[in-house]
N, C-alpha and C. Protein backbone atom coordinates (compact mmCIF):
# COMPACT_ATOMS: atom_id res chain seq x y z
N UNK A 1 26.86 29.83 32.67
CA UNK A 1 26.23 28.99 32.57
C UNK A 1 26.86 28.15 31.81
N UNK A 2 27.72 26.62 32.42
CA UNK A 2 28.21 25.92 31.60
C UNK A 2 27.26 24.69 30.81
N UNK A 3 28.28 24.25 29.96
CA UNK A 3 27.53 23.11 28.85
C UNK A 3 26.46 22.67 29.56
N UNK A 4 26.61 21.64 30.58
CA UNK A 4 25.90 20.99 31.36
C UNK A 4 24.74 21.53 31.29
N UNK A 5 24.84 22.67 32.17
CA UNK A 5 23.88 23.27 32.49
C UNK A 5 22.19 23.95 31.55
N UNK A 6 23.74 23.82 30.15
CA UNK A 6 22.40 24.31 29.03
C UNK A 6 21.60 23.02 28.95
N UNK A 7 22.06 22.07 28.90
CA UNK A 7 21.89 20.62 28.63
C UNK A 7 20.92 20.13 29.70
N UNK A 8 20.48 20.87 31.04
CA UNK A 8 19.72 20.18 31.60
C UNK A 8 20.36 19.38 32.56
N UNK A 9 21.57 19.51 32.89
CA UNK A 9 22.49 18.78 33.47
C UNK A 9 23.18 19.47 34.94
N UNK A 10 23.44 19.20 35.69
CA UNK A 10 24.58 19.57 36.37
C UNK A 10 25.64 19.25 36.61
N UNK A 11 26.25 19.60 37.32
CA UNK A 11 27.93 19.47 37.89
C UNK A 11 28.37 18.44 37.93
N UNK A 12 27.76 17.79 38.80
CA UNK A 12 27.89 16.25 39.18
C UNK A 12 27.82 15.41 37.86
N UNK A 13 27.28 15.61 36.72
CA UNK A 13 27.16 14.37 35.69
C UNK A 13 28.32 14.30 35.00
N UNK A 14 28.27 12.94 34.47
CA UNK A 14 29.61 12.31 34.21
C UNK A 14 29.74 12.33 32.55
N UNK A 15 28.42 13.13 31.72
CA UNK A 15 28.22 13.51 30.77
C UNK A 15 28.03 12.43 29.67
N UNK A 16 27.50 11.17 29.98
CA UNK A 16 26.83 10.48 29.88
C UNK A 16 26.01 10.41 28.72
N UNK A 17 25.39 10.14 27.85
CA UNK A 17 24.29 9.97 27.23
C UNK A 17 23.32 8.76 27.41
N UNK A 18 23.95 7.66 27.39
CA UNK A 18 23.59 6.48 28.09
C UNK A 18 23.62 6.05 29.25
N UNK A 19 22.85 5.30 29.92
CA UNK A 19 22.59 4.94 31.16
C UNK A 19 22.59 3.71 31.57
N UNK A 20 22.54 3.36 32.64
CA UNK A 20 22.86 1.47 32.35
C UNK A 20 21.52 1.46 33.07
N UNK A 21 21.17 0.23 32.30
CA UNK A 21 19.61 -0.15 32.37
C UNK A 21 19.42 -0.25 33.11
N UNK A 22 19.70 -0.82 34.64
CA UNK A 22 19.15 -0.79 35.82
C UNK A 22 18.82 0.43 36.51
N UNK A 23 19.51 1.45 36.28
CA UNK A 23 18.74 3.05 36.39
C UNK A 23 17.72 3.49 35.99
N UNK A 24 17.05 2.43 34.94
CA UNK A 24 15.72 3.34 34.37
C UNK A 24 15.01 2.40 34.65
N UNK A 25 13.68 3.63 34.75
CA UNK A 25 12.35 3.04 35.13
C UNK A 25 11.67 2.70 33.62
N UNK A 26 11.13 1.71 33.13
CA UNK A 26 10.76 1.65 32.40
C UNK A 26 8.81 0.98 32.54
N UNK A 27 8.23 1.79 31.99
CA UNK A 27 6.80 1.17 32.25
C UNK A 27 5.81 1.09 30.58
N UNK A 28 5.50 -0.06 30.62
CA UNK A 28 4.94 -0.14 28.88
C UNK A 28 3.21 -0.60 29.73
N UNK A 29 2.38 0.15 29.10
CA UNK A 29 1.19 0.26 29.05
C UNK A 29 0.59 0.31 27.55
N UNK A 30 -0.77 -0.08 27.60
CA UNK A 30 -1.62 -0.08 26.61
C UNK A 30 -1.31 1.02 25.62
N UNK A 31 -1.06 2.60 26.02
CA UNK A 31 -0.88 3.81 25.28
C UNK A 31 0.08 3.43 24.43
N UNK A 32 1.26 2.54 25.00
CA UNK A 32 2.46 2.23 24.55
C UNK A 32 2.44 1.99 23.60
N UNK A 33 1.83 0.70 23.12
CA UNK A 33 1.15 0.14 22.29
C UNK A 33 0.71 0.79 20.69
N UNK A 34 -0.53 1.69 21.47
CA UNK A 34 -1.01 2.25 20.49
C UNK A 34 -0.15 3.37 19.74
N UNK A 35 0.69 3.91 20.18
CA UNK A 35 1.89 5.04 20.67
C UNK A 35 2.89 4.10 19.31
N UNK A 36 2.94 2.98 19.13
CA UNK A 36 3.75 2.05 18.29
C UNK A 36 3.02 1.84 17.07
N UNK A 37 1.82 1.37 17.44
CA UNK A 37 0.53 1.04 16.13
C UNK A 37 0.96 2.39 15.54
N UNK A 38 1.05 3.58 16.28
CA UNK A 38 1.22 5.16 15.06
C UNK A 38 2.48 5.25 14.68
N UNK A 39 2.79 5.16 14.89
CA UNK A 39 4.57 5.25 14.50
C UNK A 39 4.72 4.62 13.02
N UNK A 40 3.85 3.37 13.15
CA UNK A 40 4.09 2.34 12.06
C UNK A 40 3.29 2.36 10.97
N UNK A 41 2.36 3.47 11.29
CA UNK A 41 1.47 4.06 10.36
C UNK A 41 0.22 4.05 10.31
N UNK A 42 -0.72 3.52 11.63
CA UNK A 42 -1.73 3.40 11.97
C UNK A 42 -2.75 2.62 11.84
N UNK A 43 -4.17 2.55 11.94
CA UNK A 43 -4.81 1.66 11.69
C UNK A 43 -5.18 0.51 10.45
N UNK A 44 -4.96 2.11 9.22
CA UNK A 44 -4.96 1.39 8.26
C UNK A 44 -4.03 0.31 7.35
N UNK A 45 -3.07 0.73 8.06
CA UNK A 45 -1.69 -0.73 7.75
C UNK A 45 -2.02 -1.87 8.56
N UNK A 46 -2.49 -1.62 9.54
CA UNK A 46 -2.93 -3.16 10.47
C UNK A 46 -4.30 -3.40 9.95
N UNK A 47 -5.03 -2.94 9.35
CA UNK A 47 -5.81 -3.39 8.87
C UNK A 47 -5.87 -4.09 7.38
N UNK A 48 -4.78 -3.72 6.27
CA UNK A 48 -4.46 -4.12 5.38
C UNK A 48 -3.82 -5.31 5.68
N UNK A 49 -2.83 -5.19 7.02
CA UNK A 49 -2.05 -6.09 6.72
C UNK A 49 -2.91 -7.65 7.25
N UNK A 50 -4.00 -7.15 8.22
CA UNK A 50 -4.61 -8.27 8.37
C UNK A 50 -5.46 -9.07 7.52
N UNK A 51 -5.99 -8.11 6.65
CA UNK A 51 -6.71 -8.31 5.08
C UNK A 51 -5.69 -8.97 4.12
N UNK A 52 -5.17 -8.72 4.00
CA UNK A 52 -3.47 -9.37 3.06
C UNK A 52 -3.64 -10.98 3.82
N UNK A 53 -3.52 -11.00 4.94
CA UNK A 53 -3.22 -12.39 5.86
C UNK A 53 -4.96 -13.06 5.72
N UNK A 54 -5.59 -12.48 5.87
CA UNK A 54 -6.42 -13.50 5.40
C UNK A 54 -6.60 -14.21 3.98
N UNK A 55 -6.30 -13.17 3.09
CA UNK A 55 -6.23 -13.58 1.99
C UNK A 55 -4.92 -14.72 1.62
N UNK A 56 -4.63 -14.58 2.37
CA UNK A 56 -3.62 -15.63 2.16
C UNK A 56 -3.67 -17.46 2.54
N UNK A 57 -4.83 -16.62 4.29
CA UNK A 57 -5.23 -18.19 4.43
C UNK A 57 -6.01 -18.83 3.47
N UNK A 58 -6.91 -17.93 2.83
CA UNK A 58 -8.12 -18.61 2.21
C UNK A 58 -7.87 -19.18 1.07
N UNK A 59 -6.42 -18.51 0.29
CA UNK A 59 -5.83 -19.19 -0.76
C UNK A 59 -5.16 -20.76 -0.22
N UNK A 60 -4.67 -20.66 0.70
CA UNK A 60 -3.79 -21.84 1.13
C UNK A 60 -5.34 -22.83 1.18
N UNK A 61 -6.31 -22.42 1.97
CA UNK A 61 -7.41 -23.50 2.31
C UNK A 61 -7.91 -23.57 0.78
N UNK A 62 -8.21 -23.25 -0.03
CA UNK A 62 -8.75 -23.14 -1.61
C UNK A 62 -8.16 -23.82 -2.23
N UNK A 63 -6.93 -23.69 -1.79
CA UNK A 63 -5.60 -24.83 -2.51
C UNK A 63 -6.01 -26.07 -2.21
N UNK A 64 -5.44 -26.31 -0.99
CA UNK A 64 -5.85 -27.81 -0.06
C UNK A 64 -6.97 -28.67 -0.38
N UNK A 65 -8.19 -27.37 -0.59
CA UNK A 65 -9.64 -28.31 -0.58
C UNK A 65 -9.54 -28.44 -2.17
N UNK A 66 -9.27 -28.17 -3.29
CA UNK A 66 -9.22 -28.46 -4.75
C UNK A 66 -8.22 -29.60 -4.86
N UNK A 67 -7.27 -29.41 -3.91
CA UNK A 67 -5.97 -30.67 -4.30
C UNK A 67 -6.58 -31.62 -4.25
N UNK A 68 -7.80 -32.45 -2.47
CA UNK A 68 -8.46 -33.03 -1.92
C UNK A 68 -9.47 -33.31 -2.78
N UNK A 69 -10.15 -32.55 -3.43
CA UNK A 69 -11.53 -32.61 -4.46
C UNK A 69 -10.78 -33.67 -5.76
N UNK A 70 -9.75 -33.23 -6.44
CA UNK A 70 -8.87 -34.13 -7.19
C UNK A 70 -8.67 -35.36 -7.11
N UNK A 71 -8.05 -35.47 -5.74
CA UNK A 71 -7.05 -36.36 -5.22
C UNK A 71 -8.59 -37.45 -5.02
N UNK A 72 -9.46 -37.06 -4.38
CA UNK A 72 -10.52 -38.37 -4.35
C UNK A 72 -11.10 -39.00 -5.12
N UNK A 73 -11.15 -38.24 -6.19
CA UNK A 73 -12.15 -38.58 -7.56
C UNK A 73 -11.51 -38.89 -8.89
N UNK A 74 -11.10 -40.31 -9.22
CA UNK A 74 -10.37 -40.74 -9.87
C UNK A 74 -10.97 -40.06 -11.63
N UNK A 75 -12.43 -39.84 -11.78
CA UNK A 75 -12.92 -39.41 -12.96
C UNK A 75 -12.20 -38.09 -13.56
N UNK A 76 -12.28 -37.60 -12.25
CA UNK A 76 -11.90 -36.01 -12.39
C UNK A 76 -10.53 -35.86 -12.57
N UNK A 77 -9.57 -36.55 -12.09
CA UNK A 77 -8.05 -36.58 -12.47
C UNK A 77 -7.99 -36.81 -14.28
N UNK A 78 -8.80 -37.75 -14.51
CA UNK A 78 -8.63 -37.87 -16.17
C UNK A 78 -9.31 -36.59 -16.89
N UNK A 79 -10.57 -36.14 -16.69
CA UNK A 79 -11.60 -35.91 -17.34
C UNK A 79 -10.85 -34.01 -17.39
N UNK A 80 -10.47 -33.12 -16.05
CA UNK A 80 -10.20 -31.79 -15.50
C UNK A 80 -8.65 -31.89 -15.44
N UNK A 81 -7.95 -32.87 -15.81
CA UNK A 81 -6.40 -32.43 -15.23
C UNK A 81 -5.94 -30.98 -15.71
N UNK A 82 -6.69 -30.58 -16.66
CA UNK A 82 -5.92 -28.77 -16.90
C UNK A 82 -6.23 -27.94 -16.44
N UNK A 83 -7.86 -28.34 -15.79
CA UNK A 83 -8.81 -27.08 -14.76
C UNK A 83 -8.41 -26.84 -13.62
N UNK A 84 -8.10 -28.30 -13.17
CA UNK A 84 -7.54 -28.74 -11.60
C UNK A 84 -6.08 -28.03 -11.77
N UNK A 85 -5.56 -28.14 -12.31
CA UNK A 85 -3.69 -27.92 -12.65
C UNK A 85 -3.84 -26.60 -12.52
N UNK A 86 -4.76 -25.80 -13.50
CA UNK A 86 -4.52 -24.52 -13.54
C UNK A 86 -5.40 -23.39 -11.88
N UNK A 87 -5.90 -24.55 -11.72
CA UNK A 87 -6.99 -23.93 -10.37
C UNK A 87 -5.79 -23.33 -9.34
N UNK A 88 -5.29 -25.25 -9.09
CA UNK A 88 -4.31 -25.44 -8.33
C UNK A 88 -2.92 -24.47 -8.29
N UNK A 89 -2.07 -23.93 -9.20
CA UNK A 89 -1.49 -23.48 -9.40
C UNK A 89 -1.90 -21.79 -9.31
N UNK A 90 -3.10 -21.28 -10.03
CA UNK A 90 -3.65 -19.97 -9.76
C UNK A 90 -3.81 -19.56 -7.89
N UNK A 91 -4.09 -20.46 -6.85
CA UNK A 91 -4.08 -20.43 -5.96
C UNK A 91 -3.34 -20.44 -5.11
N UNK A 92 -2.31 -21.51 -5.60
CA UNK A 92 -0.91 -21.60 -4.97
C UNK A 92 -0.07 -20.17 -5.03
N UNK A 93 -0.03 -19.47 -6.34
CA UNK A 93 0.34 -18.25 -6.93
C UNK A 93 -0.14 -16.97 -6.32
N UNK A 94 -1.52 -17.50 -5.55
CA UNK A 94 -1.95 -16.06 -4.85
C UNK A 94 -1.55 -15.89 -3.47
N UNK A 95 -1.43 -17.20 -2.99
CA UNK A 95 -0.78 -17.27 -1.97
C UNK A 95 0.55 -16.82 -1.65
N UNK A 96 1.42 -17.01 -2.95
CA UNK A 96 2.56 -16.18 -2.56
C UNK A 96 2.45 -14.93 -2.70
N UNK A 97 1.67 -14.88 -3.72
CA UNK A 97 1.83 -13.13 -4.30
C UNK A 97 1.30 -12.68 -2.59
N UNK A 98 0.33 -12.97 -1.69
CA UNK A 98 -0.26 -12.83 -0.53
C UNK A 98 0.81 -12.62 0.22
N UNK A 99 1.64 -13.77 0.50
CA UNK A 99 2.68 -13.55 1.84
C UNK A 99 4.07 -12.89 1.58
N UNK A 100 4.31 -12.39 0.01
CA UNK A 100 4.93 -11.29 -0.34
C UNK A 100 4.07 -9.97 -0.33
N UNK A 101 3.26 -9.43 -0.11
CA UNK A 101 2.66 -8.91 0.15
C UNK A 101 2.85 -8.25 1.57
N UNK A 102 2.28 -9.34 2.03
CA UNK A 102 2.41 -9.23 4.34
C UNK A 102 3.97 -8.73 4.27
N UNK A 103 4.89 -9.26 3.65
CA UNK A 103 6.44 -8.82 3.88
C UNK A 103 6.42 -7.51 4.14
N UNK A 104 6.14 -7.25 2.55
CA UNK A 104 6.43 -6.00 1.81
C UNK A 104 5.85 -4.64 3.39
N UNK A 105 4.51 -5.36 3.44
CA UNK A 105 3.51 -4.15 4.57
C UNK A 105 4.25 -4.34 5.64
N UNK A 106 4.58 -5.44 6.20
CA UNK A 106 5.69 -5.27 7.51
C UNK A 106 7.02 -4.61 7.65
N UNK A 107 7.42 -4.60 6.20
CA UNK A 107 8.93 -4.14 5.93
C UNK A 107 8.67 -2.74 6.21
N UNK A 108 7.76 -2.20 5.24
CA UNK A 108 6.97 -0.52 5.26
C UNK A 108 6.93 -0.14 6.40
N UNK A 109 5.96 -0.85 7.21
CA UNK A 109 5.25 -0.54 8.75
C UNK A 109 6.61 -0.10 9.73
N UNK A 110 7.84 -0.92 9.19
CA UNK A 110 9.16 -1.15 10.47
C UNK A 110 9.74 0.30 9.80
N UNK A 111 9.79 0.08 8.75
CA UNK A 111 10.91 1.57 8.53
C UNK A 111 10.06 2.87 8.80
N UNK A 112 8.69 2.85 8.50
CA UNK A 112 8.25 4.20 9.06
C UNK A 112 8.49 3.77 10.51
N UNK A 113 8.18 3.54 11.53
CA UNK A 113 8.03 3.77 13.13
C UNK A 113 9.68 3.70 13.21
N UNK A 114 10.85 3.04 12.46
CA UNK A 114 12.37 3.41 13.12
C UNK A 114 12.58 4.80 12.18
N UNK A 115 11.98 5.37 11.74
CA UNK A 115 12.41 6.63 10.85
C UNK A 115 11.87 7.12 12.03
N UNK A 116 10.26 7.39 12.46
CA UNK A 116 9.24 8.15 13.11
C UNK A 116 10.28 7.97 14.68
N UNK A 117 10.76 7.04 15.39
CA UNK A 117 11.43 6.83 16.73
C UNK A 117 13.04 7.33 16.19
N UNK A 118 13.27 7.32 15.31
CA UNK A 118 15.35 7.99 15.20
C UNK A 118 14.76 9.43 15.07
N UNK A 119 14.07 9.88 14.55
CA UNK A 119 13.43 11.26 14.31
C UNK A 119 13.22 12.27 15.80
N UNK A 120 12.45 11.11 16.84
CA UNK A 120 12.01 11.72 18.00
C UNK A 120 13.30 11.96 18.53
N UNK A 121 14.55 10.57 18.85
CA UNK A 121 15.32 10.46 19.49
C UNK A 121 16.43 11.41 19.46
N UNK A 122 16.66 12.15 18.50
CA UNK A 122 17.03 13.22 17.71
C UNK A 122 16.91 14.31 18.27
């Protein structure tokens, strides 16, 4: 038995591992996306990512709303300047923190998927 036959190849095979893209037949179905989701960590990671995104959007909306209230009322601008400043800073900082968490989650999901795909290819 030759080395090519042990690998499941015939004598006429040129030994290349990578074939031309035009020769491959690729079909992407719904199960392909579900498999990719499983490689990324599954539903818990996706739900966590969506929750963090929702928190980010809510912080941004609350920041804009608070600034709008403050800008509309000149009495509030004078009386509660410190309170509004702290509130806007808190909401903006929370939005930035949620954005950071979102990036970390996507990074971790990408590393998990890359690791799993790499192990399956070897």
